[in-house]
Amino acid sequence: MQLARVIGTVVATIKNESLTGRKLLYIQSITPDGAPVGKPMVAIDAVGAGVGEIVFWCRGREASFPFLPYDVPTECTIVGIVDSIHVARPYRRSETK
């Protein structure tokens, strides 16, 4: 899973029947300190996320798991909304002396 920020919504009135009623969001992958990584992408929302929220997402075959037993064609799915991120300061050998 990876972190991303929801930067927009995507509306598609004509789409595969299995996508009917599913929210599409535009997300930008980010580092733990919030810096953008790579290109934005479209994701199916499985948790009720909204624009501006930090989320985590999965891709590949696992991206369709939240919708089982339905067969939903997705390569990117938002599977969680992040409340907080804590990154420990990197350990430096010189700090122990």
PDB file of N, CA and C in Angstrom:
ATOM      1  N   MET A   1       0.833  -1.178   0.000  1.00  0.00           N
ATOM      2  CA  MET A   1       0.000   0.000   0.000  1.00  0.00           C
ATOM      3  C   MET A   1       0.875   1.238   0.000  1.00  0.00           C
ATOM      4  N   GLN A   2       0.316   2.308  -0.502  1.00  0.00           N
ATOM      5  CA  GLN A   2       1.052   3.556  -0.608  1.00  0.00           C
ATOM      6  C   GLN A   2       0.176   4.715  -0.132  1.00  0.00           C
ATOM      7  N   LEU A   3       0.815   5.798   0.249  1.00  0.00           N
ATOM      8  CA  LEU A   3       0.091   6.996   0.668  1.00  0.00           C
ATOM      9  C   LEU A   3      -0.219   7.865  -0.535  1.00  0.00           C
ATOM     10  N   ALA A   4      -1.333   8.581  -0.465  1.00  0.00           N
ATOM     11  CA  ALA A   4      -1.699   9.535  -1.508  1.00  0.00           C
ATOM     12  C   ALA A   4      -2.582  10.608  -0.908  1.00  0.00           C
ATOM     13  N   ARG A   5      -2.681  11.719  -1.605  1.00  0.00           N
ATOM     14  CA  ARG A   5      -3.633  12.774  -1.236  1.00  0.00           C
ATOM     15  C   ARG A   5      -4.696  12.812  -2.326  1.00  0.00           C
ATOM     16  N   VAL A   6      -5.943  12.914  -1.921  1.00  0.00           N
ATOM     17  CA  VAL A   6      -7.037  13.031  -2.891  1.00  0.00           C
ATOM     18  C   VAL A   6      -7.032  14.466  -3.397  1.00  0.00           C
ATOM     19  N   ILE A   7      -6.841  14.636  -4.696  1.00  0.00           N
ATOM     20  CA  ILE A   7      -6.727  15.980  -5.269  1.00  0.00           C
ATOM     21  C   ILE A   7      -7.911  16.348  -6.154  1.00  0.00           C
ATOM     22  N   GLY A   8      -8.855  15.426  -6.334  1.00  0.00           N
ATOM     23  CA  GLY A   8     -10.004  15.768  -7.165  1.00  0.00           C
ATOM     24  C   GLY A   8     -10.953  14.605  -7.322  1.00  0.00           C
ATOM     25  N   THR A   9     -11.989  14.864  -8.061  1.00  0.00           N
ATOM     26  CA  THR A   9     -12.978  13.822  -8.347  1.00  0.00           C
ATOM     27  C   THR A   9     -13.008  13.569  -9.848  1.00  0.00           C
ATOM     28  N   VAL A  10     -13.507  12.415 -10.218  1.00  0.00           N
ATOM     29  CA  VAL A  10     -13.644  12.055 -11.626  1.00  0.00           C
ATOM     30  C   VAL A  10     -15.088  11.623 -11.845  1.00  0.00           C
ATOM     31  N   VAL A  11     -15.714  12.198 -12.852  1.00  0.00           N
ATOM     32  CA  VAL A  11     -17.089  11.843 -13.186  1.00  0.00           C
ATOM     33  C   VAL A  11     -17.092  11.174 -14.550  1.00  0.00           C
ATOM     34  N   ALA A  12     -17.695   9.998 -14.621  1.00  0.00           N
ATOM     35  CA  ALA A  12     -17.816   9.267 -15.884  1.00  0.00           C
ATOM     36  C   ALA A  12     -19.245   8.735 -15.967  1.00  0.00           C
ATOM     37  N   THR A  13     -20.041   9.343 -16.799  1.00  0.00           N
ATOM     38  CA  THR A  13     -21.436   8.917 -16.881  1.00  0.00           C
ATOM     39  C   THR A  13     -21.584   7.630 -17.682  1.00  0.00           C
ATOM     40  N   ILE A  14     -20.651   7.374 -18.554  1.00  0.00           N
ATOM     41  CA  ILE A  14     -20.686   6.134 -19.325  1.00  0.00           C
ATOM     42  C   ILE A  14     -19.496   5.289 -18.875  1.00  0.00           C
ATOM     43  N   LYS A  15     -19.788   4.126 -18.306  1.00  0.00           N
ATOM     44  CA  LYS A  15     -18.717   3.267 -17.792  1.00  0.00           C
ATOM     45  C   LYS A  15     -19.224   1.844 -17.675  1.00  0.00           C
ATOM     46  N   ASN A  16     -18.340   0.935 -17.373  1.00  0.00           N
ATOM     47  CA  ASN A  16     -18.684  -0.451 -17.172  1.00  0.00           C
ATOM     48  C   ASN A  16     -19.760  -0.558 -16.104  1.00  0.00           C
ATOM     49  N   GLU A  17     -20.709  -1.436 -16.309  1.00  0.00           N
ATOM     50  CA  GLU A  17     -21.835  -1.588 -15.381  1.00  0.00           C
ATOM     51  C   GLU A  17     -21.385  -1.864 -13.948  1.00  0.00           C
ATOM     52  N   SER A  18     -20.290  -2.576 -13.787  1.00  0.00           N
ATOM     53  CA  SER A  18     -19.823  -2.907 -12.440  1.00  0.00           C
ATOM     54  C   SER A  18     -19.277  -1.686 -11.689  1.00  0.00           C
ATOM     55  N   LEU A  19     -19.067  -0.584 -12.386  1.00  0.00           N
ATOM     56  CA  LEU A  19     -18.585   0.641 -11.752  1.00  0.00           C
ATOM     57  C   LEU A  19     -19.724   1.593 -11.374  1.00  0.00           C
ATOM     58  N   THR A  20     -20.937   1.227 -11.740  1.00  0.00           N
ATOM     59  CA  THR A  20     -22.080   2.076 -11.421  1.00  0.00           C
ATOM     60  C   THR A  20     -22.212   2.244  -9.904  1.00  0.00           C
ATOM     61  N   GLY A  21     -22.338   3.486  -9.470  1.00  0.00           N
ATOM     62  CA  GLY A  21     -22.488   3.781  -8.052  1.00  0.00           C
ATOM     63  C   GLY A  21     -21.182   3.859  -7.285  1.00  0.00           C
ATOM     64  N   ARG A  22     -20.077   3.662  -7.939  1.00  0.00           N
ATOM     65  CA  ARG A  22     -18.777   3.715  -7.256  1.00  0.00           C
ATOM     66  C   ARG A  22     -18.140   5.081  -7.505  1.00  0.00           C
ATOM     67  N   LYS A  23     -17.563   5.672  -6.438  1.00  0.00           N
ATOM     68  CA  LYS A  23     -16.949   6.992  -6.532  1.00  0.00           C
ATOM     69  C   LYS A  23     -15.530   6.873  -7.074  1.00  0.00           C
ATOM     70  N   LEU A  24     -15.223   7.712  -8.048  1.00  0.00           N
ATOM     71  CA  LEU A  24     -13.882   7.761  -8.633  1.00  0.00           C
ATOM     72  C   LEU A  24     -13.192   9.036  -8.142  1.00  0.00           C
ATOM     73  N   LEU A  25     -11.971   8.888  -7.655  1.00  0.00           N
ATOM     74  CA  LEU A  25     -11.222  10.028  -7.142  1.00  0.00           C
ATOM     75  C   LEU A  25      -9.877  10.129  -7.844  1.00  0.00           C
ATOM     76  N   TYR A  26      -9.384  11.347  -7.938  1.00  0.00           N
ATOM     77  CA  TYR A  26      -8.082  11.606  -8.543  1.00  0.00           C
ATOM     78  C   TYR A  26      -7.090  11.755  -7.393  1.00  0.00           C
ATOM     79  N   ILE A  27      -6.059  10.929  -7.364  1.00  0.00           N
ATOM     80  CA  ILE A  27      -5.129  10.933  -6.237  1.00  0.00           C
ATOM     81  C   ILE A  27      -3.699  11.181  -6.715  1.00  0.00           C
ATOM     82  N   GLN A  28      -2.918  11.758  -5.794  1.00  0.00           N
ATOM     83  CA  GLN A  28      -1.489  11.984  -6.044  1.00  0.00           C
ATOM     84  C   GLN A  28      -0.712  11.238  -4.979  1.00  0.00           C
ATOM     85  N   SER A  29       0.113  10.283  -5.364  1.00  0.00           N
ATOM     86  CA  SER A  29       0.958   9.580  -4.391  1.00  0.00           C
ATOM     87  C   SER A  29       1.876  10.588  -3.715  1.00  0.00           C
ATOM     88  N   ILE A  30       2.134  10.340  -2.412  1.00  0.00           N
ATOM     89  CA  ILE A  30       2.993  11.244  -1.637  1.00  0.00           C
ATOM     90  C   ILE A  30       3.949  10.437  -0.774  1.00  0.00           C
ATOM     91  N   THR A  31       5.013  11.102  -0.323  1.00  0.00           N
ATOM     92  CA  THR A  31       5.918  10.522   0.661  1.00  0.00           C
ATOM     93  C   THR A  31       5.307  10.750   2.050  1.00  0.00           C
ATOM     94  N   PRO A  32       5.840  10.122   3.112  1.00  0.00           N
ATOM     95  CA  PRO A  32       5.291  10.357   4.457  1.00  0.00           C
ATOM     96  C   PRO A  32       5.335  11.825   4.885  1.00  0.00           C
ATOM     97  N   ASP A  33       6.237  12.627   4.297  1.00  0.00           N
ATOM     98  CA  ASP A  33       6.249  14.045   4.647  1.00  0.00           C
ATOM     99  C   ASP A  33       5.426  14.896   3.690  1.00  0.00           C
ATOM    100  N   GLY A  34       4.662  14.256   2.817  1.00  0.00           N
ATOM    101  CA  GLY A  34       3.703  14.958   1.977  1.00  0.00           C
ATOM    102  C   GLY A  34       4.177  15.400   0.615  1.00  0.00           C
ATOM    103  N   ALA A  35       5.411  15.086   0.246  1.00  0.00           N
ATOM    104  CA  ALA A  35       5.923  15.477  -1.068  1.00  0.00           C
ATOM    105  C   ALA A  35       5.319  14.577  -2.158  1.00  0.00           C
ATOM    106  N   PRO A  36       4.884  15.160  -3.275  1.00  0.00           N
ATOM    107  CA  PRO A  36       4.290  14.353  -4.346  1.00  0.00           C
ATOM    108  C   PRO A  36       5.314  13.412  -4.985  1.00  0.00           C
ATOM    109  N   VAL A  37       4.832  12.234  -5.409  1.00  0.00           N
ATOM    110  CA  VAL A  37       5.671  11.229  -6.054  1.00  0.00           C
ATOM    111  C   VAL A  37       4.930  10.714  -7.289  1.00  0.00           C
ATOM    112  N   GLY A  38       5.564  10.746  -8.433  1.00  0.00           N
ATOM    113  CA  GLY A  38       4.960  10.200  -9.643  1.00  0.00           C
ATOM    114  C   GLY A  38       3.797  11.027 -10.163  1.00  0.00           C
ATOM    115  N   LYS A  39       3.020  10.402 -11.039  1.00  0.00           N
ATOM    116  CA  LYS A  39       1.909  11.077 -11.702  1.00  0.00           C
ATOM    117  C   LYS A  39       0.603  10.778 -10.971  1.00  0.00           C
ATOM    118  N   PRO A  40      -0.338  11.723 -10.969  1.00  0.00           N
ATOM    119  CA  PRO A  40      -1.653  11.466 -10.386  1.00  0.00           C
ATOM    120  C   PRO A  40      -2.359  10.335 -11.140  1.00  0.00           C
ATOM    121  N   MET A  41      -3.324   9.693 -10.448  1.00  0.00           N
ATOM    122  CA  MET A  41      -4.061   8.600 -11.085  1.00  0.00           C
ATOM    123  C   MET A  41      -5.488   8.552 -10.569  1.00  0.00           C
ATOM    124  N   VAL A  42      -6.310   7.815 -11.267  1.00  0.00           N
ATOM    125  CA  VAL A  42      -7.709   7.639 -10.887  1.00  0.00           C
ATOM    126  C   VAL A  42      -7.812   6.385 -10.026  1.00  0.00           C
ATOM    127  N   ALA A  43      -8.555   6.505  -8.919  1.00  0.00           N
ATOM    128  CA  ALA A  43      -8.748   5.373  -8.012  1.00  0.00           C
ATOM    129  C   ALA A  43     -10.227   5.228  -7.692  1.00  0.00           C
ATOM    130  N   ILE A  44     -10.650   4.009  -7.454  1.00  0.00           N
ATOM    131  CA  ILE A  44     -12.001   3.775  -6.949  1.00  0.00           C
ATOM    132  C   ILE A  44     -11.946   3.894  -5.434  1.00  0.00           C
ATOM    133  N   ASP A  45     -12.911   4.590  -4.878  1.00  0.00           N
ATOM    134  CA  ASP A  45     -12.965   4.791  -3.431  1.00  0.00           C
ATOM    135  C   ASP A  45     -13.778   3.671  -2.786  1.00  0.00           C
ATOM    136  N   ALA A  46     -13.161   2.960  -1.837  1.00  0.00           N
ATOM    137  CA  ALA A  46     -13.854   1.878  -1.130  1.00  0.00           C
ATOM    138  C   ALA A  46     -14.169   2.242   0.310  1.00  0.00           C
ATOM    139  N   VAL A  47     -13.832   3.488   0.734  1.00  0.00           N
ATOM    140  CA  VAL A  47     -13.968   3.824   2.152  1.00  0.00           C
ATOM    141  C   VAL A  47     -14.677   5.150   2.431  1.00  0.00           C
ATOM    142  N   GLY A  48     -15.069   5.889   1.423  1.00  0.00           N
ATOM    143  CA  GLY A  48     -15.743   7.164   1.655  1.00  0.00           C
ATOM    144  C   GLY A  48     -14.798   8.336   1.812  1.00  0.00           C
ATOM    145  N   ALA A  49     -13.672   8.328   1.120  1.00  0.00           N
ATOM    146  CA  ALA A  49     -12.684   9.416   1.191  1.00  0.00           C
ATOM    147  C   ALA A  49     -13.188  10.632   0.418  1.00  0.00           C
ATOM    148  N   GLY A  50     -12.535  11.779   0.688  1.00  0.00           N
ATOM    149  CA  GLY A  50     -12.907  13.003   0.003  1.00  0.00           C
ATOM    150  C   GLY A  50     -11.692  13.829  -0.367  1.00  0.00           C
ATOM    151  N   VAL A  51     -11.914  14.859  -1.150  1.00  0.00           N
ATOM    152  CA  VAL A  51     -10.841  15.735  -1.614  1.00  0.00           C
ATOM    153  C   VAL A  51     -10.122  16.356  -0.423  1.00  0.00           C
ATOM    154  N   GLY A  52      -8.784  16.329  -0.472  1.00  0.00           N
ATOM    155  CA  GLY A  52      -7.938  16.893   0.567  1.00  0.00           C
ATOM    156  C   GLY A  52      -7.468  15.881   1.595  1.00  0.00           C
ATOM    157  N   GLU A  53      -8.098  14.735   1.675  1.00  0.00           N
ATOM    158  CA  GLU A  53      -7.707  13.742   2.672  1.00  0.00           C
ATOM    159  C   GLU A  53      -6.482  12.952   2.213  1.00  0.00           C
ATOM    160  N   ILE A  54      -5.713  12.497   3.200  1.00  0.00           N
ATOM    161  CA  ILE A  54      -4.605  11.590   2.923  1.00  0.00           C
ATOM    162  C   ILE A  54      -5.145  10.176   3.076  1.00  0.00           C
ATOM    163  N   VAL A  55      -4.852   9.341   2.107  1.00  0.00           N
ATOM    164  CA  VAL A  55      -5.399   7.981   2.062  1.00  0.00           C
ATOM    165  C   VAL A  55      -4.275   7.004   1.787  1.00  0.00           C
ATOM    166  N   PHE A  56      -4.556   5.716   1.962  1.00  0.00           N
ATOM    167  CA  PHE A  56      -3.638   4.724   1.435  1.00  0.00           C
ATOM    168  C   PHE A  56      -4.398   3.865   0.454  1.00  0.00           C
ATOM    169  N   TRP A  57      -3.669   3.384  -0.524  1.00  0.00           N
ATOM    170  CA  TRP A  57      -4.291   2.697  -1.645  1.00  0.00           C
ATOM    171  C   TRP A  57      -3.480   1.479  -2.030  1.00  0.00           C
ATOM    172  N   CYS A  58      -4.116   0.573  -2.756  1.00  0.00           N
ATOM    173  CA  CYS A  58      -3.418  -0.608  -3.253  1.00  0.00           C
ATOM    174  C   CYS A  58      -3.676  -0.721  -4.752  1.00  0.00           C
ATOM    175  N   ARG A  59      -2.834  -1.474  -5.375  1.00  0.00           N
ATOM    176  CA  ARG A  59      -2.950  -1.636  -6.820  1.00  0.00           C
ATOM    177  C   ARG A  59      -2.830  -3.093  -7.209  1.00  0.00           C
ATOM    178  N   GLY A  60      -3.060  -3.342  -8.477  1.00  0.00           N
ATOM    179  CA  GLY A  60      -2.954  -4.700  -8.991  1.00  0.00           C
ATOM    180  C   GLY A  60      -4.179  -5.525  -8.637  1.00  0.00           C
ATOM    181  N   ARG A  61      -4.003  -6.818  -8.560  1.00  0.00           N
ATOM    182  CA  ARG A  61      -5.109  -7.734  -8.293  1.00  0.00           C
ATOM    183  C   ARG A  61      -5.793  -7.430  -6.957  1.00  0.00           C
ATOM    184  N   GLU A  62      -5.006  -7.038  -5.948  1.00  0.00           N
ATOM    185  CA  GLU A  62      -5.546  -6.745  -4.625  1.00  0.00           C
ATOM    186  C   GLU A  62      -6.510  -5.554  -4.647  1.00  0.00           C
ATOM    187  N   ALA A  63      -6.406  -4.701  -5.650  1.00  0.00           N
ATOM    188  CA  ALA A  63      -7.265  -3.525  -5.726  1.00  0.00           C
ATOM    189  C   ALA A  63      -8.737  -3.886  -5.893  1.00  0.00           C
ATOM    190  N   SER A  64      -9.026  -5.061  -6.384  1.00  0.00           N
ATOM    191  CA  SER A  64     -10.429  -5.465  -6.569  1.00  0.00           C
ATOM    192  C   SER A  64     -10.985  -6.211  -5.355  1.00  0.00           C
ATOM    193  N   PHE A  65     -10.128  -6.611  -4.414  1.00  0.00           N
ATOM    194  CA  PHE A  65     -10.576  -7.390  -3.250  1.00  0.00           C
ATOM    195  C   PHE A  65     -11.665  -6.711  -2.408  1.00  0.00           C
ATOM    196  N   PRO A  66     -11.607  -5.377  -2.180  1.00  0.00           N
ATOM    197  CA  PRO A  66     -12.650  -4.769  -1.350  1.00  0.00           C
ATOM    198  C   PRO A  66     -14.063  -4.928  -1.915  1.00  0.00           C
ATOM    199  N   PHE A  67     -14.184  -5.267  -3.173  1.00  0.00           N
ATOM    200  CA  PHE A  67     -15.500  -5.331  -3.805  1.00  0.00           C
ATOM    201  C   PHE A  67     -16.005  -6.763  -3.985  1.00  0.00           C
ATOM    202  N   LEU A  68     -15.248  -7.746  -3.501  1.00  0.00           N
ATOM    203  CA  LEU A  68     -15.687  -9.131  -3.616  1.00  0.00           C
ATOM    204  C   LEU A  68     -17.031  -9.302  -2.918  1.00  0.00           C
ATOM    205  N   PRO A  69     -17.959 -10.077  -3.400  1.00  0.00           N
ATOM    206  CA  PRO A  69     -17.819 -11.041  -4.488  1.00  0.00           C
ATOM    207  C   PRO A  69     -18.019 -10.443  -5.870  1.00  0.00           C
ATOM    208  N   TYR A  70     -18.166  -9.109  -5.957  1.00  0.00           N
ATOM    209  CA  TYR A  70     -18.352  -8.485  -7.269  1.00  0.00           C
ATOM    210  C   TYR A  70     -17.017  -8.387  -7.992  1.00  0.00           C
ATOM    211  N   ASP A  71     -17.063  -8.506  -9.275  1.00  0.00           N
ATOM    212  CA  ASP A  71     -15.882  -8.431 -10.118  1.00  0.00           C
ATOM    213  C   ASP A  71     -15.781  -7.015 -10.672  1.00  0.00           C
ATOM    214  N   VAL A  72     -14.980  -6.169 -10.020  1.00  0.00           N
ATOM    215  CA  VAL A  72     -14.868  -4.765 -10.405  1.00  0.00           C
ATOM    216  C   VAL A  72     -13.523  -4.540 -11.089  1.00  0.00           C
ATOM    217  N   PRO A  73     -13.529  -3.964 -12.300  1.00  0.00           N
ATOM    218  CA  PRO A  73     -12.279  -3.727 -13.017  1.00  0.00           C
ATOM    219  C   PRO A  73     -11.551  -2.502 -12.474  1.00  0.00           C
ATOM    220  N   THR A  74     -10.599  -2.722 -11.583  1.00  0.00           N
ATOM    221  CA  THR A  74      -9.838  -1.610 -11.021  1.00  0.00           C
ATOM    222  C   THR A  74      -8.377  -2.011 -10.851  1.00  0.00           C
ATOM    223  N   GLU A  75      -7.506  -1.039 -11.030  1.00  0.00           N
ATOM    224  CA  GLU A  75      -6.094  -1.270 -10.794  1.00  0.00           C
ATOM    225  C   GLU A  75      -5.595  -0.416  -9.638  1.00  0.00           C
ATOM    226  N   CYS A  76      -6.477   0.446  -9.134  1.00  0.00           N
ATOM    227  CA  CYS A  76      -6.100   1.352  -8.047  1.00  0.00           C
ATOM    228  C   CYS A  76      -7.330   1.603  -7.180  1.00  0.00           C
ATOM    229  N   THR A  77      -7.250   1.220  -5.907  1.00  0.00           N
ATOM    230  CA  THR A  77      -8.390   1.374  -4.996  1.00  0.00           C
ATOM    231  C   THR A  77      -7.927   2.012  -3.691  1.00  0.00           C
ATOM    232  N   ILE A  78      -8.687   2.998  -3.234  1.00  0.00           N
ATOM    233  CA  ILE A  78      -8.434   3.601  -1.921  1.00  0.00           C
ATOM    234  C   ILE A  78      -9.028   2.680  -0.879  1.00  0.00           C
ATOM    235  N   VAL A  79      -8.187   2.228   0.073  1.00  0.00           N
ATOM    236  CA  VAL A  79      -8.641   1.253   1.066  1.00  0.00           C
ATOM    237  C   VAL A  79      -8.579   1.787   2.494  1.00  0.00           C
ATOM    238  N   GLY A  80      -8.134   3.030   2.688  1.00  0.00           N
ATOM    239  CA  GLY A  80      -8.098   3.577   4.038  1.00  0.00           C
ATOM    240  C   GLY A  80      -7.894   5.077   4.031  1.00  0.00           C
ATOM    241  N   ILE A  81      -8.395   5.728   5.085  1.00  0.00           N
ATOM    242  CA  ILE A  81      -8.198   7.163   5.280  1.00  0.00           C
ATOM    243  C   ILE A  81      -7.237   7.336   6.445  1.00  0.00           C
ATOM    244  N   VAL A  82      -6.181   8.100   6.262  1.00  0.00           N
ATOM    245  CA  VAL A  82      -5.121   8.254   7.257  1.00  0.00           C
ATOM    246  C   VAL A  82      -5.503   9.320   8.283  1.00  0.00           C
ATOM    247  N   ASP A  83      -5.402   8.971   9.571  1.00  0.00           N
ATOM    248  CA  ASP A  83      -5.647   9.932  10.650  1.00  0.00           C
ATOM    249  C   ASP A  83      -4.373  10.682  11.004  1.00  0.00           C
ATOM    250  N   SER A  84      -3.248   9.973  11.068  1.00  0.00           N
ATOM    251  CA  SER A  84      -1.976  10.623  11.387  1.00  0.00           C
ATOM    252  C   SER A  84      -0.834   9.760  10.866  1.00  0.00           C
ATOM    253  N   ILE A  85       0.312  10.401  10.710  1.00  0.00           N
ATOM    254  CA  ILE A  85       1.522   9.722  10.263  1.00  0.00           C
ATOM    255  C   ILE A  85       2.642  10.115  11.205  1.00  0.00           C
ATOM    256  N   HIS A  86       3.347   9.133  11.723  1.00  0.00           N
ATOM    257  CA  HIS A  86       4.497   9.412  12.570  1.00  0.00           C
ATOM    258  C   HIS A  86       5.690   8.677  11.967  1.00  0.00           C
ATOM    259  N   VAL A  87       6.726   9.409  11.659  1.00  0.00           N
ATOM    260  CA  VAL A  87       7.941   8.804  11.116  1.00  0.00           C
ATOM    261  C   VAL A  87       9.056   9.061  12.113  1.00  0.00           C
ATOM    262  N   ALA A  88       9.637   7.982  12.636  1.00  0.00           N
ATOM    263  CA  ALA A  88      10.731   8.118  13.596  1.00  0.00           C
ATOM    264  C   ALA A  88      11.933   8.743  12.919  1.00  0.00           C
ATOM    265  N   ARG A  89      12.660   9.517  13.691  1.00  0.00           N
ATOM    266  CA  ARG A  89      13.876  10.127  13.169  1.00  0.00           C
ATOM    267  C   ARG A  89      14.868   9.018  12.844  1.00  0.00           C
ATOM    268  N   PRO A  90      15.556   9.111  11.711  1.00  0.00           N
ATOM    269  CA  PRO A  90      16.525   8.066  11.364  1.00  0.00           C
ATOM    270  C   PRO A  90      17.598   7.909  12.445  1.00  0.00           C
ATOM    271  N   TYR A  91      17.948   6.690  12.746  1.00  0.00           N
ATOM    272  CA  TYR A  91      18.980   6.372  13.723  1.00  0.00           C
ATOM    273  C   TYR A  91      20.341   6.719  13.160  1.00  0.00           C
ATOM    274  N   ARG A  92      21.156   7.403  13.976  1.00  0.00           N
ATOM    275  CA  ARG A  92      22.519   7.729  13.555  1.00  0.00           C
ATOM    276  C   ARG A  92      23.470   7.112  14.560  1.00  0.00           C
ATOM    277  N   ARG A  93      24.451   6.438  14.067  1.00  0.00           N
ATOM    278  CA  ARG A  93      25.419   5.747  14.924  1.00  0.00           C
ATOM    279  C   ARG A  93      26.118   6.728  15.870  1.00  0.00           C
ATOM    280  N   SER A  94      26.389   7.939  15.422  1.00  0.00           N
ATOM    281  CA  SER A  94      27.127   8.902  16.238  1.00  0.00           C
ATOM    282  C   SER A  94      26.324   9.359  17.461  1.00  0.00           C
ATOM    283  N   GLU A  95      25.001   9.149  17.510  1.00  0.00           N
ATOM    284  CA  GLU A  95      24.167   9.580  18.624  1.00  0.00           C
ATOM    285  C   GLU A  95      24.378   8.724  19.868  1.00  0.00           C
ATOM    286  N   THR A  96      24.959   7.539  19.744  1.00  0.00           N
ATOM    287  CA  THR A  96      25.135   6.645  20.890  1.00  0.00           C
ATOM    288  C   THR A  96      26.422   6.918  21.636  1.00  0.00           C
ATOM    289  N   LYS A  97      27.304   7.735  21.111  1.00  0.00           N
ATOM    290  CA  LYS A  97      28.603   7.974  21.764  1.00  0.00           C
ATOM    291  C   LYS A  97      28.496   9.042  22.812  1.00  0.00           C
TER     292      LYS A  97
END
